[in-house]
């Protein structure tokens, strides 16, 4: 009986040691996976930061500021701004209308479908 109890105790001790070594190994594998994901995210954020820094540098240039200001019809101090209005009675300039072709078939209305049943 003593020999059998020793084997049981040894088996339980071995199971305990294995259980205690599996949990840290699992945590280590999880940390490696998380580390890889974080490295990829870091690379993406660094690339985005670099693109944003280039955009910031561009926006700090006088030429870009002036280009954006002209889009909003802003003028520099001392400049005069002019708007050209169309002549009175002149037709508005629009694109030529599309050539008239055959009228597209229209689906019958709901009312005509209902009354056709009777």
Protein backbone atom coordinates (compact mmCIF):
# COMPACT_ATOMS: atom_id res chain seq x y z
CA UNK A 1 0.00 0.00 0.00
CA UNK A 2 2.88 2.33 0.78
CA UNK A 3 4.33 1.82 -2.71
CA UNK A 4 1.01 2.60 -4.31
CA UNK A 5 0.56 5.77 -2.25
CA UNK A 6 4.03 6.94 -3.27
CA UNK A 7 3.18 6.48 -6.94
CA UNK A 8 -0.07 8.42 -6.48
CA UNK A 9 1.73 11.24 -4.65
CA UNK A 10 4.43 11.30 -7.32
CA UNK A 11 1.81 11.37 -10.09
CA UNK A 12 -0.04 14.23 -8.35
CA UNK A 13 3.22 16.12 -7.86
CA UNK A 14 4.10 15.64 -11.51
CA UNK A 15 0.64 16.82 -12.56
CA UNK A 16 1.02 19.88 -10.33
CA UNK A 17 4.43 20.73 -11.77
CA UNK A 18 3.10 20.33 -15.30
CA UNK A 19 0.06 22.48 -14.53
CA UNK A 20 2.24 25.18 -13.02
CA UNK A 21 4.51 25.16 -16.09
CA UNK A 22 1.67 25.19 -18.67
CA UNK A 23 0.08 28.42 -17.43
CA UNK A 24 3.25 30.53 -17.72
CA UNK A 25 3.97 29.00 -21.13
CA UNK A 26 0.46 29.88 -22.31
CA UNK A 27 0.84 33.42 -20.98
CA UNK A 28 4.20 33.72 -22.75
CA UNK A 29 2.65 32.62 -26.06
CA UNK A 30 -0.19 35.11 -25.61
CA UNK A 31 2.32 37.88 -24.92
CA UNK A 32 4.26 37.02 -28.08
CA UNK A 33 1.06 37.19 -30.15
CA UNK A 34 0.09 40.51 -28.55
CA UNK A 35 3.61 41.85 -29.10
CA UNK A 36 3.44 41.08 -32.83
CA UNK A 37 0.09 42.84 -33.12
CA UNK A 38 1.42 45.86 -31.26
CA UNK A 39 4.52 46.02 -33.46
CA UNK A 40 2.30 46.04 -36.57
CA UNK A 41 0.07 48.73 -35.05
CA UNK A 42 3.15 50.78 -34.14
CA UNK A 43 4.42 50.61 -37.73
CA UNK A 44 1.04 51.72 -39.08
CA UNK A 45 0.85 54.63 -36.63
CA UNK A 46 4.39 55.72 -37.46
CA UNK A 47 3.53 55.78 -41.17
CA UNK A 48 0.37 57.77 -40.44
CA UNK A 49 2.33 60.20 -38.27
CA UNK A 50 4.87 60.70 -41.04
CA UNK A 51 2.09 61.45 -43.56
CA UNK A 52 0.47 63.89 -41.14
CA UNK A 53 3.81 65.57 -40.47
CA UNK A 54 4.31 66.07 -44.21
CA UNK A 55 0.82 67.57 -44.49
CA UNK A 56 1.58 69.86 -41.52
CA UNK A 57 4.83 71.01 -43.14
CA UNK A 58 2.94 71.71 -46.37
CA UNK A 59 0.25 73.69 -44.54
CA UNK A 60 2.91 75.85 -42.89
CA UNK A 61 4.25 77.02 -46.26
CA UNK A 62 3.16 80.42 -47.56
CA UNK A 63 2.31 79.05 -50.99
CA UNK A 64 -0.13 76.48 -49.59
CA UNK A 65 -1.74 79.04 -47.30
CA UNK A 66 -2.26 81.37 -50.25
CA UNK A 67 -3.62 78.55 -52.42
CA UNK A 68 -6.18 77.62 -49.79
CA UNK A 69 -7.11 81.26 -49.19
CA UNK A 70 -7.75 81.78 -52.92
CA UNK A 71 -10.16 78.85 -52.88
CA UNK A 72 -12.27 80.79 -50.37
CA UNK A 73 -12.03 84.04 -52.42
CA UNK A 74 -9.82 85.72 -49.85
CA UNK A 75 -7.47 88.52 -50.89
CA UNK A 76 -4.27 89.93 -49.46
CA UNK A 77 -4.31 93.35 -47.77
CA UNK A 78 -4.14 96.02 -50.46
CA UNK A 79 -5.53 93.79 -53.22
CA UNK A 80 -8.89 94.47 -54.81
CA UNK A 81 -11.33 91.71 -55.53
CA UNK A 82 -13.58 91.78 -58.58
CA UNK A 83 -16.54 89.62 -59.51
CA UNK A 84 -17.80 89.52 -63.10
CA UNK A 85 -21.56 89.55 -63.29
CA UNK A 86 -23.39 88.35 -66.40
CA UNK A 87 -24.97 90.98 -68.65
CA UNK A 88 -28.63 91.75 -68.14
CA UNK A 89 -30.78 89.77 -70.56
CA UNK A 90 -27.98 87.42 -71.56
CA UNK A 91 -28.90 83.77 -71.39
CA UNK A 92 -27.14 81.87 -68.65
CA UNK A 93 -24.31 79.74 -69.84
CA UNK A 94 -25.23 76.14 -69.33
CA UNK A 95 -24.30 72.89 -70.95
CA UNK A 96 -26.17 71.94 -74.09
CA UNK A 97 -29.17 69.72 -73.41
CA UNK A 98 -28.81 66.06 -74.18
CA UNK A 99 -30.30 64.97 -77.51
CA UNK A 100 -33.85 63.75 -77.18
CA UNK A 101 -34.10 60.04 -77.72
CA UNK A 102 -36.93 57.61 -77.35
CA UNK A 103 -38.76 57.99 -74.07
CA UNK A 104 -37.87 55.28 -71.59
CA UNK A 105 -40.57 52.75 -70.88
CA UNK A 106 -42.21 53.38 -67.58
CA UNK A 107 -43.61 50.67 -65.41
CA UNK A 108 -47.39 50.64 -65.09
CA UNK A 109 -48.64 52.43 -62.02
CA UNK A 110 -49.94 50.53 -59.05
CA UNK A 111 -53.49 51.71 -59.75
CA UNK A 112 -53.43 50.48 -63.34
CA UNK A 113 -52.12 47.09 -62.20
CA UNK A 114 -54.88 46.78 -59.61
CA UNK A 115 -57.67 47.83 -62.01
CA UNK A 116 -56.41 45.48 -64.72
CA UNK A 117 -57.24 42.53 -62.47
CA UNK A 118 -60.97 43.30 -62.61
